[in-house]
Protein backbone atom coordinates (compact mmCIF):
# COMPACT_ATOMS: atom_id res chain seq x y z
CA UNK A 1 17.02 -62.53 47.29
CA UNK A 2 14.56 -65.50 47.07
CA UNK A 3 14.65 -67.75 43.96
CA UNK A 4 12.18 -70.51 43.11
CA UNK A 5 13.00 -73.04 40.33
CA UNK A 6 10.45 -75.60 39.32
CA UNK A 7 10.96 -78.80 37.31
CA UNK A 8 9.07 -82.04 36.57
CA UNK A 9 6.36 -80.78 33.99
CA UNK A 10 5.72 -82.66 30.64
CA UNK A 11 3.25 -84.20 28.61
CA UNK A 12 1.32 -87.31 30.10
CA UNK A 13 -1.81 -89.23 29.11
CA UNK A 14 -4.91 -89.18 31.15
CA UNK A 15 -4.51 -91.28 34.27
CA UNK A 16 -0.75 -90.82 34.47
CA UNK A 17 1.52 -89.35 37.20
CA UNK A 18 3.92 -86.63 37.24
CA UNK A 19 6.30 -85.01 40.13
CA UNK A 20 6.83 -81.35 40.25
CA UNK A 21 9.63 -79.95 42.39
CA UNK A 22 10.56 -76.42 43.29
CA UNK A 23 13.86 -75.62 44.58
CA UNK A 24 14.31 -72.48 46.89
CA UNK A 25 17.40 -70.40 47.45
CA UNK A 26 17.23 -67.34 49.96
CA UNK A 27 14.00 -68.64 51.62
CA UNK A 28 13.14 -71.12 54.09
CA UNK A 29 10.05 -73.54 53.30
CA UNK A 30 10.11 -75.04 56.72
CA UNK A 31 8.84 -71.93 58.23
CA UNK A 32 7.18 -69.99 55.38
CA UNK A 33 3.69 -70.58 53.60
CA UNK A 34 4.53 -72.09 50.28
CA UNK A 35 2.23 -73.46 47.55
CA UNK A 36 1.39 -74.53 43.97
CA UNK A 37 -0.62 -72.83 41.95
CA UNK A 38 -1.68 -73.64 38.10
CA UNK A 39 -2.99 -71.44 35.37
CA UNK A 40 -4.87 -73.05 32.65
CA UNK A 41 -5.15 -71.28 29.30
CA UNK A 42 -7.78 -68.44 29.27
CA UNK A 43 -8.27 -68.85 33.05
CA UNK A 44 -7.21 -66.96 36.31
CA UNK A 45 -4.23 -68.55 38.19
CA UNK A 46 -5.81 -70.69 40.98
CA UNK A 47 -4.34 -72.51 44.36
CA UNK A 48 -3.73 -76.32 43.73
CA UNK A 49 -2.11 -77.09 47.13
CA UNK A 50 -0.33 -75.24 49.85
CA UNK A 51 1.37 -75.46 53.26
CA UNK A 52 0.57 -72.88 56.06
CA UNK A 53 2.16 -73.15 59.65
CA UNK A 54 -1.07 -75.03 60.74
CA UNK A 55 -2.36 -76.96 57.82
CA UNK A 56 -2.30 -78.25 54.28
CA UNK A 57 -4.84 -77.30 51.91
CA UNK A 58 -5.89 -78.70 48.33
CA UNK A 59 -8.41 -77.67 45.88
CA UNK A 60 -11.43 -79.83 45.71
CA UNK A 61 -10.59 -80.69 42.07
CA UNK A 62 -7.29 -82.34 43.09
CA UNK A 63 -8.18 -83.87 46.34
CA UNK A 64 -7.04 -87.54 46.72
CA UNK A 65 -5.05 -87.19 43.58
CA UNK A 66 -2.35 -84.77 44.46
CA UNK A 67 0.03 -84.49 47.35
CA UNK A 68 2.05 -81.71 48.42
CA UNK A 69 5.34 -82.30 50.48
CA UNK A 70 8.57 -80.86 51.40
CA UNK A 71 12.02 -81.85 52.05
CA UNK A 72 13.52 -79.34 54.74
CA UNK A 73 17.11 -80.74 54.17
CA UNK A 74 16.95 -79.81 50.53
CA UNK A 75 14.53 -76.71 50.82
CA UNK A 76 12.55 -78.37 48.22
CA UNK A 77 8.79 -78.77 47.74
CA UNK A 78 7.04 -81.30 45.65
CA UNK A 79 3.74 -81.99 44.18
CA UNK A 80 3.10 -85.57 43.44
CA UNK A 81 0.16 -85.66 40.73
CA UNK A 82 -1.52 -89.03 40.16
CA UNK A 83 -4.66 -89.96 38.27
CA UNK A 84 -4.03 -86.65 35.94
CA UNK A 85 -7.09 -85.45 33.99
CA UNK A 86 -7.02 -83.26 30.69
CA UNK A 87 -8.46 -80.39 32.97
CA UNK A 88 -5.42 -80.37 35.15
CA UNK A 89 -3.34 -78.89 31.71
CA UNK A 90 -1.65 -75.59 32.63
CA UNK A 91 1.33 -74.03 33.79
CA UNK A 92 2.18 -74.75 37.34
CA UNK A 93 3.78 -72.16 39.58
CA UNK A 94 5.65 -72.56 43.08
CA UNK A 95 4.80 -69.84 45.43
CA UNK A 96 6.41 -68.70 48.55
CA UNK A 97 5.21 -66.05 51.29
CA UNK A 98 4.69 -63.30 50.74
CA UNK A 99 4.80 -62.90 46.97
CA UNK A 100 7.72 -65.00 45.35
CA UNK A 101 7.07 -66.80 42.19
CA UNK A 102 8.92 -69.48 40.23
CA UNK A 103 9.10 -69.22 36.46
CA UNK A 104 6.40 -72.03 36.02
CA UNK A 105 6.67 -75.54 34.46
CA UNK A 106 4.05 -76.73 31.86
CA UNK A 107 1.83 -79.69 32.39
CA UNK A 108 0.00 -81.19 29.57
CA UNK A 109 -2.39 -83.95 30.08
CA UNK A 110 -3.53 -85.48 26.60
CA UNK A 111 -4.27 -88.54 24.97
C-alpha cells in the first residue's frame, strides 16, 4: 500500500521561500510519475510541478520560482518554492501515479 506524507507548509510573507517534502512508502518515485498539486479556496486542484519518465513540467504561474526534485535514496520528492506570492496560497498535495495522494499541507502567503 502506498502512503505519501507531505511536510514543510506554513505561513510566509510575499517574497519568501518554503520547501515542501513528500516521503513515500510502498512506491518508487524513481520510476513512477509524481507531482505536486495545489488547491486554493474555491478553486479546482491544479498541477504545480511534476516528473514523468521523460520530462519535468511546471505550471506557467510558477516557472522560474518553483523547483521540483527528488532524492531516490530517501524516496522523497521536494518542491522548493521561492519568491512566493499571495496567489500561491493553498493546500499542496503530493501525487503519485496512478492515483495516490497525500493528506496535503497548507501554504499561506500573506503580509
